[in-house]
Amino acid sequence: MPGYKIGYILRRFLVKRIASDCGKEILVKQNCYIGSGAGLKIGDRSQLGHNARIGQCVTIGSDVLMGPEVIIMANSHAFDNIDIPINQQGALPIKPVVIGDDVWIGTRVVILPGVTIGNKSVIGAGSVVTKNIPDGVIAAGNPAKVIRNRGVRY
């Protein structure tokens, strides 16, 4: 698309103004939604994917690659009391999400509140990350599970 670099420059400029902390040379793809940017921290050279939805209180390390339509949520909704309609139970406390350095998050990954993804890990496309992922692994599935260590050839 002609002029796409202008879009990158404009989106980077805007994200730097509203995110809590923003590194150098970030790349923000089209239709990435970060809300108010409250508590959002982005490291150097990281990419936010097309149509990504990134909630508040999310830390994204340096050199993170993110596919399209990734959802990262640090908040959730209460639902335990069956005597009260769900829409009247309110929000649960925010649980920050931390994504380490040199991480690849595949297309349509969902990362739930309170999760930490370790440095140098890969999350397979379509995964739902419900628990912490250690450093240097490949994880995939619903719920995401470690498949193998990164760098190991079979």
Foldseek 3Di string as FASTA:
>chain_A
DPPVVVVQVVVLVVLCVQAPAEEAQEGEDPLEAEDRNALEHAYAHHYHEANEYEYHQEYHYHQEYEYPHEYEAQKDFDDPDPVDPRVPRGIDDGAHEYEYYCEYEYANEYEYHNEYEEDNEYEDHPEYDDHYHYHQFYWYDDPTDTPGGPPDDD
